[in-house]
Amino acid sequence: MRDTDYATELATADINGCRIERLHVKSLKQDEIRFSWWKDGNMTNRPLDLPERELLALFRLAIEKNVFTEEFRRDLHAMLYDVRGG
């Protein structure tokens, strides 16, 4: 895991340089989620653009790698269930 002056990487899901990361941001003293695109080992200054199918695959991997907290996963599940009229 990477550790810089800015943040400590806590968990990462990566598919072909497309990443979802859980970072502890040192100056803010809080954990944050970052969606990023990496090329040749360096983060690009472009946003992460993915077709929905590829985003779902990356999101699934992020869940498997515990990038998201259990609380977030529960809240997301509840939100999706509420939206579809459950």
PDB file of N, CA and C in Angstrom:
ATOM      1  N   MET A   1       0.829  -1.176   0.000  1.00  0.00           N
ATOM      2  CA  MET A   1       0.000   0.000   0.000  1.00  0.00           C
ATOM      3  C   MET A   1       0.883   1.253   0.000  1.00  0.00           C
ATOM      4  N   ARG A   2       0.401   2.239  -0.714  1.00  0.00           N
ATOM      5  CA  ARG A   2       1.151   3.492  -0.815  1.00  0.00           C
ATOM      6  C   ARG A   2       0.909   4.376   0.408  1.00  0.00           C
ATOM      7  N   ASP A   3       1.942   5.132   0.745  1.00  0.00           N
ATOM      8  CA  ASP A   3       1.850   6.107   1.825  1.00  0.00           C
ATOM      9  C   ASP A   3       2.587   7.355   1.357  1.00  0.00           C
ATOM     10  N   THR A   4       1.865   8.470   1.237  1.00  0.00           N
ATOM     11  CA  THR A   4       2.460   9.729   0.805  1.00  0.00           C
ATOM     12  C   THR A   4       2.197  10.791   1.866  1.00  0.00           C
ATOM     13  N   ASP A   5       2.713  11.993   1.646  1.00  0.00           N
ATOM     14  CA  ASP A   5       2.430  13.095   2.564  1.00  0.00           C
ATOM     15  C   ASP A   5       0.940  13.406   2.585  1.00  0.00           C
ATOM     16  N   TYR A   6       0.252  13.157   1.461  1.00  0.00           N
ATOM     17  CA  TYR A   6      -1.172  13.455   1.334  1.00  0.00           C
ATOM     18  C   TYR A   6      -2.050  12.410   2.010  1.00  0.00           C
ATOM     19  N   ALA A   7      -1.771  11.123   1.724  1.00  0.00           N
ATOM     20  CA  ALA A   7      -2.694  10.085   2.189  1.00  0.00           C
ATOM     21  C   ALA A   7      -2.011   8.735   2.305  1.00  0.00           C
ATOM     22  N   THR A   8      -2.666   7.857   3.060  1.00  0.00           N
ATOM     23  CA  THR A   8      -2.271   6.458   3.159  1.00  0.00           C
ATOM     24  C   THR A   8      -3.339   5.619   2.474  1.00  0.00           C
ATOM     25  N   GLU A   9      -2.916   4.770   1.562  1.00  0.00           N
ATOM     26  CA  GLU A   9      -3.840   3.869   0.869  1.00  0.00           C
ATOM     27  C   GLU A   9      -4.222   2.748   1.825  1.00  0.00           C
ATOM     28  N   LEU A  10      -5.528   2.542   1.994  1.00  0.00           N
ATOM     29  CA  LEU A  10      -6.016   1.510   2.898  1.00  0.00           C
ATOM     30  C   LEU A  10      -6.494   0.268   2.156  1.00  0.00           C
ATOM     31  N   ALA A  11      -7.100   0.457   0.994  1.00  0.00           N
ATOM     32  CA  ALA A  11      -7.599  -0.666   0.182  1.00  0.00           C
ATOM     33  C   ALA A  11      -7.765  -0.176  -1.248  1.00  0.00           C
ATOM     34  N   THR A  12      -7.535  -1.082  -2.204  1.00  0.00           N
ATOM     35  CA  THR A  12      -7.616  -0.715  -3.621  1.00  0.00           C
ATOM     36  C   THR A  12      -8.203  -1.848  -4.435  1.00  0.00           C
ATOM     37  N   ALA A  13      -9.041  -1.469  -5.387  1.00  0.00           N
ATOM     38  CA  ALA A  13      -9.521  -2.381  -6.422  1.00  0.00           C
ATOM     39  C   ALA A  13      -9.039  -1.808  -7.746  1.00  0.00           C
ATOM     40  N   ASP A  14      -8.371  -2.623  -8.565  1.00  0.00           N
ATOM     41  CA  ASP A  14      -7.783  -2.147  -9.816  1.00  0.00           C
ATOM     42  C   ASP A  14      -8.072  -3.133 -10.936  1.00  0.00           C
ATOM     43  N   ILE A  15      -8.619  -2.620 -12.026  1.00  0.00           N
ATOM     44  CA  ILE A  15      -8.793  -3.394 -13.248  1.00  0.00           C
ATOM     45  C   ILE A  15      -8.222  -2.556 -14.385  1.00  0.00           C
ATOM     46  N   ASN A  16      -7.100  -2.988 -14.921  1.00  0.00           N
ATOM     47  CA  ASN A  16      -6.459  -2.307 -16.055  1.00  0.00           C
ATOM     48  C   ASN A  16      -6.205  -0.822 -15.797  1.00  0.00           C
ATOM     49  N   GLY A  17      -5.770  -0.489 -14.583  1.00  0.00           N
ATOM     50  CA  GLY A  17      -5.452   0.893 -14.263  1.00  0.00           C
ATOM     51  C   GLY A  17      -6.636   1.728 -13.813  1.00  0.00           C
ATOM     52  N   CYS A  18      -7.832   1.171 -13.878  1.00  0.00           N
ATOM     53  CA  CYS A  18      -9.027   1.848 -13.368  1.00  0.00           C
ATOM     54  C   CYS A  18      -9.174   1.444 -11.910  1.00  0.00           C
ATOM     55  N   ARG A  19      -9.231   2.428 -11.023  1.00  0.00           N
ATOM     56  CA  ARG A  19      -9.180   2.119  -9.597  1.00  0.00           C
ATOM     57  C   ARG A  19     -10.289   2.782  -8.797  1.00  0.00           C
ATOM     58  N   ILE A  20     -10.674   2.064  -7.748  1.00  0.00           N
ATOM     59  CA  ILE A  20     -11.436   2.640  -6.647  1.00  0.00           C
ATOM     60  C   ILE A  20     -10.587   2.374  -5.412  1.00  0.00           C
ATOM     61  N   GLU A  21     -10.292   3.439  -4.673  1.00  0.00           N
ATOM     62  CA  GLU A  21      -9.373   3.324  -3.540  1.00  0.00           C
ATOM     63  C   GLU A  21     -10.003   3.897  -2.267  1.00  0.00           C
ATOM     64  N   ARG A  22      -9.692   3.292  -1.154  1.00  0.00           N
ATOM     65  CA  ARG A  22     -10.001   3.879   0.152  1.00  0.00           C
ATOM     66  C   ARG A  22      -8.692   4.462   0.654  1.00  0.00           C
ATOM     67  N   LEU A  23      -8.720   5.775   0.928  1.00  0.00           N
ATOM     68  CA  LEU A  23      -7.537   6.499   1.395  1.00  0.00           C
ATOM     69  C   LEU A  23      -7.822   7.134   2.746  1.00  0.00           C
ATOM     70  N   HIS A  24      -6.796   7.185   3.578  1.00  0.00           N
ATOM     71  CA  HIS A  24      -6.882   8.005   4.779  1.00  0.00           C
ATOM     72  C   HIS A  24      -6.152   9.306   4.463  1.00  0.00           C
ATOM     73  N   VAL A  25      -6.915  10.397   4.350  1.00  0.00           N
ATOM     74  CA  VAL A  25      -6.346  11.710   4.028  1.00  0.00           C
ATOM     75  C   VAL A  25      -5.842  12.328   5.321  1.00  0.00           C
ATOM     76  N   LYS A  26      -4.532  12.507   5.371  1.00  0.00           N
ATOM     77  CA  LYS A  26      -3.883  12.905   6.619  1.00  0.00           C
ATOM     78  C   LYS A  26      -4.300  14.287   7.118  1.00  0.00           C
ATOM     79  N   SER A  27      -4.340  15.275   6.227  1.00  0.00           N
ATOM     80  CA  SER A  27      -4.661  16.639   6.668  1.00  0.00           C
ATOM     81  C   SER A  27      -6.096  16.763   7.166  1.00  0.00           C
ATOM     82  N   LEU A  28      -6.991  15.938   6.629  1.00  0.00           N
ATOM     83  CA  LEU A  28      -8.398  15.985   7.027  1.00  0.00           C
ATOM     84  C   LEU A  28      -8.731  14.987   8.128  1.00  0.00           C
ATOM     85  N   LYS A  29      -7.805  14.066   8.359  1.00  0.00           N
ATOM     86  CA  LYS A  29      -7.985  13.020   9.371  1.00  0.00           C
ATOM     87  C   LYS A  29      -9.282  12.246   9.141  1.00  0.00           C
ATOM     88  N   GLN A  30      -9.501  11.858   7.866  1.00  0.00           N
ATOM     89  CA  GLN A  30     -10.687  11.078   7.525  1.00  0.00           C
ATOM     90  C   GLN A  30     -10.398  10.162   6.343  1.00  0.00           C
ATOM     91  N   ASP A  31     -11.196   9.122   6.236  1.00  0.00           N
ATOM     92  CA  ASP A  31     -11.093   8.207   5.106  1.00  0.00           C
ATOM     93  C   ASP A  31     -11.980   8.707   3.975  1.00  0.00           C
ATOM     94  N   GLU A  32     -11.502   8.550   2.745  1.00  0.00           N
ATOM     95  CA  GLU A  32     -12.245   8.962   1.565  1.00  0.00           C
ATOM     96  C   GLU A  32     -12.116   7.896   0.488  1.00  0.00           C
ATOM     97  N   ILE A  33     -13.057   7.929  -0.460  1.00  0.00           N
ATOM     98  CA  ILE A  33     -13.034   7.035  -1.608  1.00  0.00           C
ATOM     99  C   ILE A  33     -12.608   7.843  -2.823  1.00  0.00           C
ATOM    100  N   ARG A  34     -11.662   7.291  -3.584  1.00  0.00           N
ATOM    101  CA  ARG A  34     -11.200   7.965  -4.803  1.00  0.00           C
ATOM    102  C   ARG A  34     -11.397   7.036  -5.994  1.00  0.00           C
ATOM    103  N   PHE A  35     -12.010   7.556  -7.040  1.00  0.00           N
ATOM    104  CA  PHE A  35     -12.099   6.888  -8.325  1.00  0.00           C
ATOM    105  C   PHE A  35     -11.004   7.505  -9.192  1.00  0.00           C
ATOM    106  N   SER A  36     -10.118   6.672  -9.741  1.00  0.00           N
ATOM    107  CA  SER A  36      -8.997   7.226 -10.491  1.00  0.00           C
ATOM    108  C   SER A  36      -8.610   6.318 -11.652  1.00  0.00           C
ATOM    109  N   TRP A  37      -7.827   6.881 -12.542  1.00  0.00           N
ATOM    110  CA  TRP A  37      -7.326   6.158 -13.710  1.00  0.00           C
ATOM    111  C   TRP A  37      -5.811   6.284 -13.720  1.00  0.00           C
ATOM    112  N   TRP A  38      -5.132   5.140 -13.768  1.00  0.00           N
ATOM    113  CA  TRP A  38      -3.677   5.091 -13.704  1.00  0.00           C
ATOM    114  C   TRP A  38      -3.112   4.542 -15.010  1.00  0.00           C
ATOM    115  N   LYS A  39      -2.009   5.137 -15.465  1.00  0.00           N
ATOM    116  CA  LYS A  39      -1.330   4.676 -16.672  1.00  0.00           C
ATOM    117  C   LYS A  39       0.168   4.632 -16.381  1.00  0.00           C
ATOM    118  N   ASP A  40       0.770   3.494 -16.655  1.00  0.00           N
ATOM    119  CA  ASP A  40       2.218   3.311 -16.429  1.00  0.00           C
ATOM    120  C   ASP A  40       2.629   3.648 -14.997  1.00  0.00           C
ATOM    121  N   GLY A  41       1.781   3.290 -14.036  1.00  0.00           N
ATOM    122  CA  GLY A  41       2.111   3.491 -12.629  1.00  0.00           C
ATOM    123  C   GLY A  41       1.874   4.885 -12.099  1.00  0.00           C
ATOM    124  N   ASN A  42       1.311   5.769 -12.932  1.00  0.00           N
ATOM    125  CA  ASN A  42       1.053   7.145 -12.507  1.00  0.00           C
ATOM    126  C   ASN A  42      -0.425   7.484 -12.675  1.00  0.00           C
ATOM    127  N   MET A  43      -0.967   8.215 -11.691  1.00  0.00           N
ATOM    128  CA  MET A  43      -2.352   8.631 -11.792  1.00  0.00           C
ATOM    129  C   MET A  43      -2.458   9.719 -12.858  1.00  0.00           C
ATOM    130  N   THR A  44      -3.429   9.584 -13.753  1.00  0.00           N
ATOM    131  CA  THR A  44      -3.630  10.590 -14.796  1.00  0.00           C
ATOM    132  C   THR A  44      -4.411  11.763 -14.230  1.00  0.00           C
ATOM    133  N   ASN A  45      -4.380  12.867 -14.947  1.00  0.00           N
ATOM    134  CA  ASN A  45      -5.164  14.028 -14.510  1.00  0.00           C
ATOM    135  C   ASN A  45      -6.495  14.078 -15.256  1.00  0.00           C
ATOM    136  N   ARG A  46      -6.936  12.939 -15.711  1.00  0.00           N
ATOM    137  CA  ARG A  46      -8.224  12.794 -16.390  1.00  0.00           C
ATOM    138  C   ARG A  46      -9.186  12.034 -15.486  1.00  0.00           C
ATOM    139  N   PRO A  47     -10.476  12.288 -15.633  1.00  0.00           N
ATOM    140  CA  PRO A  47     -11.446  11.534 -14.836  1.00  0.00           C
ATOM    141  C   PRO A  47     -11.541  10.089 -15.302  1.00  0.00           C
ATOM    142  N   LEU A  48     -12.044   9.255 -14.438  1.00  0.00           N
ATOM    143  CA  LEU A  48     -12.278   7.854 -14.763  1.00  0.00           C
ATOM    144  C   LEU A  48     -13.609   7.752 -15.498  1.00  0.00           C
ATOM    145  N   ASP A  49     -13.566   7.353 -16.774  1.00  0.00           N
ATOM    146  CA  ASP A  49     -14.763   7.152 -17.589  1.00  0.00           C
ATOM    147  C   ASP A  49     -14.852   5.677 -17.935  1.00  0.00           C
ATOM    148  N   LEU A  50     -15.969   5.045 -17.604  1.00  0.00           N
ATOM    149  CA  LEU A  50     -16.142   3.621 -17.896  1.00  0.00           C
ATOM    150  C   LEU A  50     -17.555   3.342 -18.367  1.00  0.00           C
ATOM    151  N   PRO A  51     -17.721   2.373 -19.267  1.00  0.00           N
ATOM    152  CA  PRO A  51     -19.066   1.892 -19.560  1.00  0.00           C
ATOM    153  C   PRO A  51     -19.647   1.254 -18.293  1.00  0.00           C
ATOM    154  N   GLU A  52     -20.959   1.244 -18.170  1.00  0.00           N
ATOM    155  CA  GLU A  52     -21.592   0.730 -16.950  1.00  0.00           C
ATOM    156  C   GLU A  52     -21.150  -0.691 -16.611  1.00  0.00           C
ATOM    157  N   ARG A  53     -21.037  -1.571 -17.599  1.00  0.00           N
ATOM    158  CA  ARG A  53     -20.655  -2.964 -17.329  1.00  0.00           C
ATOM    159  C   ARG A  53     -19.272  -3.029 -16.682  1.00  0.00           C
ATOM    160  N   GLU A  54     -18.315  -2.236 -17.182  1.00  0.00           N
ATOM    161  CA  GLU A  54     -16.971  -2.223 -16.612  1.00  0.00           C
ATOM    162  C   GLU A  54     -16.965  -1.570 -15.228  1.00  0.00           C
ATOM    163  N   LEU A  55     -17.797  -0.545 -15.044  1.00  0.00           N
ATOM    164  CA  LEU A  55     -17.911   0.085 -13.726  1.00  0.00           C
ATOM    165  C   LEU A  55     -18.460  -0.908 -12.712  1.00  0.00           C
ATOM    166  N   LEU A  56     -19.449  -1.700 -13.117  1.00  0.00           N
ATOM    167  CA  LEU A  56     -19.986  -2.712 -12.207  1.00  0.00           C
ATOM    168  C   LEU A  56     -18.927  -3.737 -11.818  1.00  0.00           C
ATOM    169  N   ALA A  57     -18.109  -4.158 -12.786  1.00  0.00           N
ATOM    170  CA  ALA A  57     -17.042  -5.119 -12.480  1.00  0.00           C
ATOM    171  C   ALA A  57     -16.050  -4.517 -11.488  1.00  0.00           C
ATOM    172  N   LEU A  58     -15.679  -3.257 -11.688  1.00  0.00           N
ATOM    173  CA  LEU A  58     -14.750  -2.591 -10.774  1.00  0.00           C
ATOM    174  C   LEU A  58     -15.392  -2.404  -9.406  1.00  0.00           C
ATOM    175  N   PHE A  59     -16.662  -2.040  -9.385  1.00  0.00           N
ATOM    176  CA  PHE A  59     -17.371  -1.863  -8.125  1.00  0.00           C
ATOM    177  C   PHE A  59     -17.457  -3.182  -7.359  1.00  0.00           C
ATOM    178  N   ARG A  60     -17.729  -4.266  -8.068  1.00  0.00           N
ATOM    179  CA  ARG A  60     -17.787  -5.587  -7.426  1.00  0.00           C
ATOM    180  C   ARG A  60     -16.439  -5.932  -6.796  1.00  0.00           C
ATOM    181  N   LEU A  61     -15.352  -5.690  -7.548  1.00  0.00           N
ATOM    182  CA  LEU A  61     -14.020  -5.967  -7.020  1.00  0.00           C
ATOM    183  C   LEU A  61     -13.738  -5.107  -5.790  1.00  0.00           C
ATOM    184  N   ALA A  62     -14.161  -3.853  -5.837  1.00  0.00           N
ATOM    185  CA  ALA A  62     -13.956  -2.966  -4.683  1.00  0.00           C
ATOM    186  C   ALA A  62     -14.694  -3.497  -3.451  1.00  0.00           C
ATOM    187  N   ILE A  63     -15.874  -4.053  -3.665  1.00  0.00           N
ATOM    188  CA  ILE A  63     -16.619  -4.653  -2.545  1.00  0.00           C
ATOM    189  C   ILE A  63     -15.864  -5.866  -2.017  1.00  0.00           C
ATOM    190  N   GLU A  64     -15.381  -6.717  -2.924  1.00  0.00           N
ATOM    191  CA  GLU A  64     -14.639  -7.914  -2.517  1.00  0.00           C
ATOM    192  C   GLU A  64     -13.354  -7.563  -1.776  1.00  0.00           C
ATOM    193  N   LYS A  65     -12.712  -6.447  -2.145  1.00  0.00           N
ATOM    194  CA  LYS A  65     -11.443  -6.036  -1.537  1.00  0.00           C
ATOM    195  C   LYS A  65     -11.647  -5.134  -0.316  1.00  0.00           C
ATOM    196  N   ASN A  66     -12.896  -4.999   0.125  1.00  0.00           N
ATOM    197  CA  ASN A  66     -13.229  -4.185   1.299  1.00  0.00           C
ATOM    198  C   ASN A  66     -12.808  -2.722   1.173  1.00  0.00           C
ATOM    199  N   VAL A  67     -12.933  -2.184  -0.030  1.00  0.00           N
ATOM    200  CA  VAL A  67     -12.697  -0.751  -0.209  1.00  0.00           C
ATOM    201  C   VAL A  67     -13.807   0.034   0.480  1.00  0.00           C
ATOM    202  N   PHE A  68     -15.024  -0.499   0.428  1.00  0.00           N
ATOM    203  CA  PHE A  68     -16.173   0.152   1.057  1.00  0.00           C
ATOM    204  C   PHE A  68     -16.444  -0.482   2.415  1.00  0.00           C
ATOM    205  N   THR A  69     -16.854   0.341   3.351  1.00  0.00           N
ATOM    206  CA  THR A  69     -17.171  -0.171   4.688  1.00  0.00           C
ATOM    207  C   THR A  69     -18.467  -0.974   4.651  1.00  0.00           C
ATOM    208  N   GLU A  70     -18.656  -1.770   5.681  1.00  0.00           N
ATOM    209  CA  GLU A  70     -19.889  -2.538   5.803  1.00  0.00           C
ATOM    210  C   GLU A  70     -21.088  -1.592   5.906  1.00  0.00           C
ATOM    211  N   GLU A  71     -20.942  -0.499   6.614  1.00  0.00           N
ATOM    212  CA  GLU A  71     -22.025   0.479   6.745  1.00  0.00           C
ATOM    213  C   GLU A  71     -22.407   1.050   5.380  1.00  0.00           C
ATOM    214  N   PHE A  72     -21.420   1.403   4.562  1.00  0.00           N
ATOM    215  CA  PHE A  72     -21.703   1.924   3.227  1.00  0.00           C
ATOM    216  C   PHE A  72     -22.435   0.891   2.383  1.00  0.00           C
ATOM    217  N   ARG A  73     -21.972  -0.352   2.444  1.00  0.00           N
ATOM    218  CA  ARG A  73     -22.610  -1.418   1.653  1.00  0.00           C
ATOM    219  C   ARG A  73     -24.060  -1.620   2.091  1.00  0.00           C
ATOM    220  N   ARG A  74     -24.325  -1.583   3.389  1.00  0.00           N
ATOM    221  CA  ARG A  74     -25.702  -1.704   3.883  1.00  0.00           C
ATOM    222  C   ARG A  74     -26.557  -0.537   3.390  1.00  0.00           C
ATOM    223  N   ASP A  75     -26.018   0.683   3.496  1.00  0.00           N
ATOM    224  CA  ASP A  75     -26.764   1.873   3.059  1.00  0.00           C
ATOM    225  C   ASP A  75     -27.023   1.839   1.554  1.00  0.00           C
ATOM    226  N   LEU A  76     -26.048   1.402   0.797  1.00  0.00           N
ATOM    227  CA  LEU A  76     -26.218   1.291  -0.653  1.00  0.00           C
ATOM    228  C   LEU A  76     -27.292   0.257  -0.986  1.00  0.00           C
ATOM    229  N   HIS A  77     -27.238  -0.871  -0.325  1.00  0.00           N
ATOM    230  CA  HIS A  77     -28.240  -1.920  -0.536  1.00  0.00           C
ATOM    231  C   HIS A  77     -29.641  -1.374  -0.225  1.00  0.00           C
ATOM    232  N   ALA A  78     -29.777  -0.697   0.896  1.00  0.00           N
ATOM    233  CA  ALA A  78     -31.072  -0.128   1.277  1.00  0.00           C
ATOM    234  C   ALA A  78     -31.544   0.898   0.251  1.00  0.00           C
ATOM    235  N   MET A  79     -30.634   1.736  -0.211  1.00  0.00           N
ATOM    236  CA  MET A  79     -30.989   2.746  -1.191  1.00  0.00           C
ATOM    237  C   MET A  79     -31.452   2.112  -2.497  1.00  0.00           C
ATOM    238  N   LEU A  80     -30.738   1.108  -2.973  1.00  0.00           N
ATOM    239  CA  LEU A  80     -31.120   0.433  -4.213  1.00  0.00           C
ATOM    240  C   LEU A  80     -32.456  -0.286  -4.049  1.00  0.00           C
ATOM    241  N   TYR A  81     -32.664  -0.882  -2.904  1.00  0.00           N
ATOM    242  CA  TYR A  81     -33.920  -1.582  -2.644  1.00  0.00           C
ATOM    243  C   TYR A  81     -35.077  -0.586  -2.622  1.00  0.00           C
ATOM    244  N   ASP A  82     -34.895   0.566  -1.973  1.00  0.00           N
ATOM    245  CA  ASP A  82     -35.934   1.607  -1.904  1.00  0.00           C
ATOM    246  C   ASP A  82     -36.258   2.167  -3.280  1.00  0.00           C
ATOM    247  N   VAL A  83     -35.236   2.382  -4.117  1.00  0.00           N
ATOM    248  CA  VAL A  83     -35.432   2.975  -5.441  1.00  0.00           C
ATOM    249  C   VAL A  83     -36.256   2.069  -6.335  1.00  0.00           C
ATOM    250  N   ARG A  84     -36.034   0.780  -6.236  1.00  0.00           N
ATOM    251  CA  ARG A  84     -36.760  -0.124  -7.126  1.00  0.00           C
ATOM    252  C   ARG A  84     -38.166  -0.438  -6.596  1.00  0.00           C
ATOM    253  N   GLY A  85     -38.525   0.186  -5.498  1.00  0.00           N
ATOM    254  CA  GLY A  85     -39.894   0.067  -5.006  1.00  0.00           C
ATOM    255  C   GLY A  85     -40.119  -1.093  -4.063  1.00  0.00           C
ATOM    256  N   GLY A  86     -39.012  -1.620  -3.471  1.00  0.00           N
ATOM    257  CA  GLY A  86     -39.140  -2.754  -2.569  1.00  0.00           C
ATOM    258  C   GLY A  86     -39.706  -2.340  -1.288  1.00  0.00           C
TER     259      GLY A  86
END
